[in-house]
Amino acid sequence: MPASRTAQPRPRRAPGSVRQRMIGFALVPGLLAALVAGVVAWAVRDEWAGISALLGGTIGVGIFLAGLVGITAVVAGPAYASMAGAFALLGLQIIVGFAVLYLLSRVSWVQMLPLGLGFLAAGLVFQIGTVVGYAGARQLVFGAEDASSPGGVR
């Protein structure tokens, strides 16, 4: 290390792992989006549409939460199994999601349009929260990026 460079103190990290931070930023907003979707569907249509939208949002958050926990477990495992495990997890999520939606489509009071819209709204908010949580954790773990540092992009 050249004598002209001084060591800079590392910024402090927030307590908790990256996965906990991602879940923290995604779970509550996702559930709130499911609740808002249910209230809006209830106001626009009727109570069964509201319950269907709330159910769809809750299912969406549950599937995405299971996927987030699963993928962090897969990536933490051996490197040779990461891609196969990630593909298997995605396939399992799709199969479970379709099975749940198929079974719900057979229930007489469930309205599929509000359920699907609640699923999409809560899922989108959950994914945005996941990205925001990861971006904040990445900055906290690696510190600020400096373009003048060796290996930095200029």
C-alpha atoms as a PDB file:
ATOM      1  CA  MET A   1       0.000   0.000   0.000  1.00  0.00           C
ATOM      2  CA  PRO A   2       1.540   3.368  -0.980  1.00  0.00           C
ATOM      3  CA  ALA A   3       2.419   5.741   1.825  1.00  0.00           C
ATOM      4  CA  SER A   4       0.254   8.492   0.319  1.00  0.00           C
ATOM      5  CA  ARG A   5      -2.934   6.524   0.900  1.00  0.00           C
ATOM      6  CA  THR A   6      -4.543   6.518   4.281  1.00  0.00           C
ATOM      7  CA  ALA A   7      -6.939   3.891   5.460  1.00  0.00           C
ATOM      8  CA  GLN A   8     -10.481   5.162   5.650  1.00  0.00           C
ATOM      9  CA  PRO A   9     -12.725   3.904   8.407  1.00  0.00           C
ATOM     10  CA  ARG A  10     -15.394   1.502   7.251  1.00  0.00           C
ATOM     11  CA  PRO A  11     -18.966   2.674   7.619  1.00  0.00           C
ATOM     12  CA  ARG A  12     -20.976   0.850  10.249  1.00  0.00           C
ATOM     13  CA  ARG A  13     -23.400  -1.779   9.087  1.00  0.00           C
ATOM     14  CA  ALA A  14     -26.964  -1.986  10.188  1.00  0.00           C
ATOM     15  CA  PRO A  15     -27.663  -4.934  12.465  1.00  0.00           C
ATOM     16  CA  GLY A  16     -29.033  -8.051  10.775  1.00  0.00           C
ATOM     17  CA  SER A  17     -28.312  -9.913   7.610  1.00  0.00           C
ATOM     18  CA  VAL A  18     -29.065  -8.852   4.067  1.00  0.00           C
ATOM     19  CA  ARG A  19     -31.979 -11.312   3.960  1.00  0.00           C
ATOM     20  CA  GLN A  20     -33.506  -9.844   7.117  1.00  0.00           C
ATOM     21  CA  ARG A  21     -33.185  -6.351   5.682  1.00  0.00           C
ATOM     22  CA  MET A  22     -34.802  -7.411   2.411  1.00  0.00           C
ATOM     23  CA  ILE A  23     -37.691  -9.078   4.248  1.00  0.00           C
ATOM     24  CA  GLY A  24     -38.093  -6.069   6.513  1.00  0.00           C
ATOM     25  CA  PHE A  25     -38.369  -3.694   3.559  1.00  0.00           C
ATOM     26  CA  ALA A  26     -40.696  -5.983   1.580  1.00  0.00           C
ATOM     27  CA  LEU A  27     -43.065  -7.775   3.956  1.00  0.00           C
ATOM     28  CA  VAL A  28     -44.937  -4.908   5.597  1.00  0.00           C
ATOM     29  CA  PRO A  29     -45.391  -2.854   2.388  1.00  0.00           C
ATOM     30  CA  GLY A  30     -46.508  -6.000   0.538  1.00  0.00           C
ATOM     31  CA  LEU A  31     -49.126  -6.784   3.169  1.00  0.00           C
ATOM     32  CA  LEU A  32     -50.260  -3.155   3.196  1.00  0.00           C
ATOM     33  CA  ALA A  33     -50.656  -3.300  -0.590  1.00  0.00           C
ATOM     34  CA  ALA A  34     -52.778  -6.439  -0.199  1.00  0.00           C
ATOM     35  CA  LEU A  35     -54.953  -4.628   2.344  1.00  0.00           C
ATOM     36  CA  VAL A  36     -55.318  -1.574   0.100  1.00  0.00           C
ATOM     37  CA  ALA A  37     -56.218  -3.810  -2.856  1.00  0.00           C
ATOM     38  CA  GLY A  38     -58.889  -5.477  -0.736  1.00  0.00           C
ATOM     39  CA  VAL A  39     -60.365  -2.156   0.412  1.00  0.00           C
ATOM     40  CA  VAL A  40     -60.376  -0.735  -3.131  1.00  0.00           C
ATOM     41  CA  ALA A  41     -62.001  -3.869  -4.557  1.00  0.00           C
ATOM     42  CA  TRP A  42     -64.613  -3.774  -1.791  1.00  0.00           C
ATOM     43  CA  ALA A  43     -65.355  -0.109  -2.543  1.00  0.00           C
ATOM     44  CA  VAL A  44     -65.501  -0.586  -6.317  1.00  0.00           C
ATOM     45  CA  ARG A  45     -67.430  -3.864  -6.438  1.00  0.00           C
ATOM     46  CA  ASP A  46     -68.571  -5.726  -3.324  1.00  0.00           C
ATOM     47  CA  GLU A  47     -67.335  -7.487  -0.195  1.00  0.00           C
ATOM     48  CA  TRP A  48     -66.517 -10.751  -2.001  1.00  0.00           C
ATOM     49  CA  ALA A  49     -64.305  -8.883  -4.448  1.00  0.00           C
ATOM     50  CA  GLY A  50     -62.578  -7.221  -1.503  1.00  0.00           C
ATOM     51  CA  ILE A  51     -61.993 -10.527   0.244  1.00  0.00           C
ATOM     52  CA  SER A  52     -60.778 -12.075  -3.021  1.00  0.00           C
ATOM     53  CA  ALA A  53     -58.298  -9.206  -3.603  1.00  0.00           C
ATOM     54  CA  LEU A  54     -57.069  -9.443  -0.007  1.00  0.00           C
ATOM     55  CA  LEU A  55     -56.653 -13.202  -0.373  1.00  0.00           C
ATOM     56  CA  GLY A  56     -54.800 -12.792  -3.678  1.00  0.00           C
ATOM     57  CA  GLY A  57     -52.447 -10.205  -2.191  1.00  0.00           C
ATOM     58  CA  THR A  58     -51.743 -12.375   0.817  1.00  0.00           C
ATOM     59  CA  ILE A  59     -51.029 -15.385  -1.392  1.00  0.00           C
ATOM     60  CA  GLY A  60     -48.714 -13.281  -3.554  1.00  0.00           C
ATOM     61  CA  VAL A  61     -46.747 -12.030  -0.559  1.00  0.00           C
ATOM     62  CA  GLY A  62     -46.555 -15.574   0.834  1.00  0.00           C
ATOM     63  CA  ILE A  63     -45.231 -17.062  -2.395  1.00  0.00           C
ATOM     64  CA  PHE A  64     -42.666 -14.300  -2.874  1.00  0.00           C
ATOM     65  CA  LEU A  65     -41.588 -14.493   0.771  1.00  0.00           C
ATOM     66  CA  ALA A  66     -41.079 -18.246   0.487  1.00  0.00           C
ATOM     67  CA  GLY A  67     -39.089 -17.674  -2.696  1.00  0.00           C
ATOM     68  CA  LEU A  68     -36.900 -15.030  -1.052  1.00  0.00           C
ATOM     69  CA  VAL A  69     -36.118 -17.231   1.925  1.00  0.00           C
ATOM     70  CA  GLY A  70     -35.572 -20.222  -0.357  1.00  0.00           C
ATOM     71  CA  ILE A  71     -33.257 -18.475  -2.799  1.00  0.00           C
ATOM     72  CA  THR A  72     -31.072 -17.077  -0.024  1.00  0.00           C
ATOM     73  CA  ALA A  73     -30.763 -20.593   1.370  1.00  0.00           C
ATOM     74  CA  VAL A  74     -29.928 -22.014  -2.063  1.00  0.00           C
ATOM     75  CA  VAL A  75     -27.289 -19.361  -2.781  1.00  0.00           C
ATOM     76  CA  ALA A  76     -25.702 -19.940   0.638  1.00  0.00           C
ATOM     77  CA  GLY A  77     -25.148 -23.601  -0.257  1.00  0.00           C
ATOM     78  CA  PRO A  78     -22.473 -25.150  -2.472  1.00  0.00           C
ATOM     79  CA  ALA A  79     -21.709 -23.220  -5.663  1.00  0.00           C
ATOM     80  CA  TYR A  80     -22.185 -26.217  -7.970  1.00  0.00           C
ATOM     81  CA  ALA A  81     -25.784 -26.623  -6.835  1.00  0.00           C
ATOM     82  CA  SER A  82     -26.826 -22.957  -6.841  1.00  0.00           C
ATOM     83  CA  MET A  83     -28.168 -22.736 -10.385  1.00  0.00           C
ATOM     84  CA  ALA A  84     -29.947 -26.076 -10.236  1.00  0.00           C
ATOM     85  CA  GLY A  85     -31.413 -25.206  -6.851  1.00  0.00           C
ATOM     86  CA  ALA A  86     -32.572 -21.801  -8.063  1.00  0.00           C
ATOM     87  CA  PHE A  87     -34.257 -23.379 -11.089  1.00  0.00           C
ATOM     88  CA  ALA A  88     -35.923 -26.039  -8.931  1.00  0.00           C
ATOM     89  CA  LEU A  89     -37.141 -23.361  -6.519  1.00  0.00           C
ATOM     90  CA  LEU A  90     -38.624 -21.308  -9.366  1.00  0.00           C
ATOM     91  CA  GLY A  91     -40.354 -24.394 -10.764  1.00  0.00           C
ATOM     92  CA  LEU A  92     -41.755 -25.253  -7.338  1.00  0.00           C
ATOM     93  CA  GLN A  93     -43.040 -21.700  -6.861  1.00  0.00           C
ATOM     94  CA  ILE A  94     -44.807 -21.782 -10.237  1.00  0.00           C
ATOM     95  CA  ILE A  95     -46.366 -25.191  -9.594  1.00  0.00           C
ATOM     96  CA  VAL A  96     -47.580 -24.256  -6.100  1.00  0.00           C
ATOM     97  CA  GLY A  97     -48.906 -20.913  -7.359  1.00  0.00           C
ATOM     98  CA  PHE A  98     -50.860 -22.520 -10.191  1.00  0.00           C
ATOM     99  CA  ALA A  99     -52.192 -25.237  -7.892  1.00  0.00           C
ATOM    100  CA  VAL A 100     -53.425 -22.701  -5.343  1.00  0.00           C
ATOM    101  CA  LEU A 101     -55.016 -20.543  -8.042  1.00  0.00           C
ATOM    102  CA  TYR A 102     -56.650 -23.582  -9.649  1.00  0.00           C
ATOM    103  CA  LEU A 103     -58.128 -24.686  -6.336  1.00  0.00           C
ATOM    104  CA  LEU A 104     -59.353 -21.174  -5.574  1.00  0.00           C
ATOM    105  CA  SER A 105     -60.971 -20.908  -9.008  1.00  0.00           C
ATOM    106  CA  ARG A 106     -63.204 -23.836  -8.006  1.00  0.00           C
ATOM    107  CA  VAL A 107     -64.551 -21.999  -4.932  1.00  0.00           C
ATOM    108  CA  SER A 108     -67.849 -20.298  -5.723  1.00  0.00           C
ATOM    109  CA  TRP A 109     -67.347 -17.003  -3.838  1.00  0.00           C
ATOM    110  CA  VAL A 110     -63.825 -16.256  -5.087  1.00  0.00           C
ATOM    111  CA  GLN A 111     -63.675 -13.664  -7.864  1.00  0.00           C
ATOM    112  CA  MET A 112     -60.577 -14.265  -9.959  1.00  0.00           C
ATOM    113  CA  LEU A 113     -60.090 -10.764 -11.407  1.00  0.00           C
ATOM    114  CA  PRO A 114     -59.807  -9.005  -8.018  1.00  0.00           C
ATOM    115  CA  LEU A 115     -57.741 -11.927  -6.715  1.00  0.00           C
ATOM    116  CA  GLY A 116     -55.321 -11.596  -9.620  1.00  0.00           C
ATOM    117  CA  LEU A 117     -55.080  -7.819  -9.297  1.00  0.00           C
ATOM    118  CA  GLY A 118     -54.440  -8.092  -5.555  1.00  0.00           C
ATOM    119  CA  PHE A 119     -51.789 -10.732  -6.245  1.00  0.00           C
ATOM    120  CA  LEU A 120     -50.045  -8.515  -8.807  1.00  0.00           C
ATOM    121  CA  ALA A 121     -50.221  -5.337  -6.717  1.00  0.00           C
ATOM    122  CA  ALA A 122     -48.889  -6.936  -3.537  1.00  0.00           C
ATOM    123  CA  GLY A 123     -46.273  -8.929  -5.458  1.00  0.00           C
ATOM    124  CA  LEU A 124     -44.989  -5.834  -7.230  1.00  0.00           C
ATOM    125  CA  VAL A 125     -44.744  -3.858  -3.985  1.00  0.00           C
ATOM    126  CA  PHE A 126     -43.015  -6.829  -2.323  1.00  0.00           C
ATOM    127  CA  GLN A 127     -40.441  -7.033  -5.126  1.00  0.00           C
ATOM    128  CA  ILE A 128     -39.777  -3.292  -4.988  1.00  0.00           C
ATOM    129  CA  GLY A 129     -39.245  -3.574  -1.231  1.00  0.00           C
ATOM    130  CA  THR A 130     -36.861  -6.477  -1.779  1.00  0.00           C
ATOM    131  CA  VAL A 131     -34.768  -4.448  -4.220  1.00  0.00           C
ATOM    132  CA  VAL A 132     -34.730  -1.397  -1.938  1.00  0.00           C
ATOM    133  CA  GLY A 133     -33.738  -3.555   1.038  1.00  0.00           C
ATOM    134  CA  TYR A 134     -30.962  -5.212  -0.930  1.00  0.00           C
ATOM    135  CA  ALA A 135     -29.653  -1.920  -2.308  1.00  0.00           C
ATOM    136  CA  GLY A 136     -29.446  -0.463   1.196  1.00  0.00           C
ATOM    137  CA  ALA A 137     -27.749  -3.571   2.546  1.00  0.00           C
ATOM    138  CA  ARG A 138     -25.267  -3.571  -0.322  1.00  0.00           C
ATOM    139  CA  GLN A 139     -24.242   0.004   0.389  1.00  0.00           C
ATOM    140  CA  LEU A 140     -23.914  -0.735   4.073  1.00  0.00           C
ATOM    141  CA  VAL A 141     -21.840  -3.868   3.523  1.00  0.00           C
ATOM    142  CA  PHE A 142     -19.453  -2.597   0.847  1.00  0.00           C
ATOM    143  CA  GLY A 143     -19.373   1.111   1.692  1.00  0.00           C
ATOM    144  CA  ALA A 144     -19.570   4.014  -0.699  1.00  0.00           C
ATOM    145  CA  GLU A 145     -18.279   3.426  -4.195  1.00  0.00           C
ATOM    146  CA  ASP A 146     -15.432   5.659  -5.258  1.00  0.00           C
ATOM    147  CA  ALA A 147     -14.587   6.034  -8.939  1.00  0.00           C
ATOM    148  CA  SER A 148     -10.981   7.016  -8.168  1.00  0.00           C
ATOM    149  CA  SER A 149     -10.237   3.822  -6.291  1.00  0.00           C
ATOM    150  CA  PRO A 150      -8.255   1.050  -8.013  1.00  0.00           C
ATOM    151  CA  GLY A 151     -10.547  -1.067 -10.145  1.00  0.00           C
ATOM    152  CA  GLY A 152     -13.245   1.580 -10.084  1.00  0.00           C
ATOM    153  CA  VAL A 153     -15.101   2.637 -13.199  1.00  0.00           C
ATOM    154  CA  ARG A 154     -14.089   6.045 -14.480  1.00  0.00           C
END
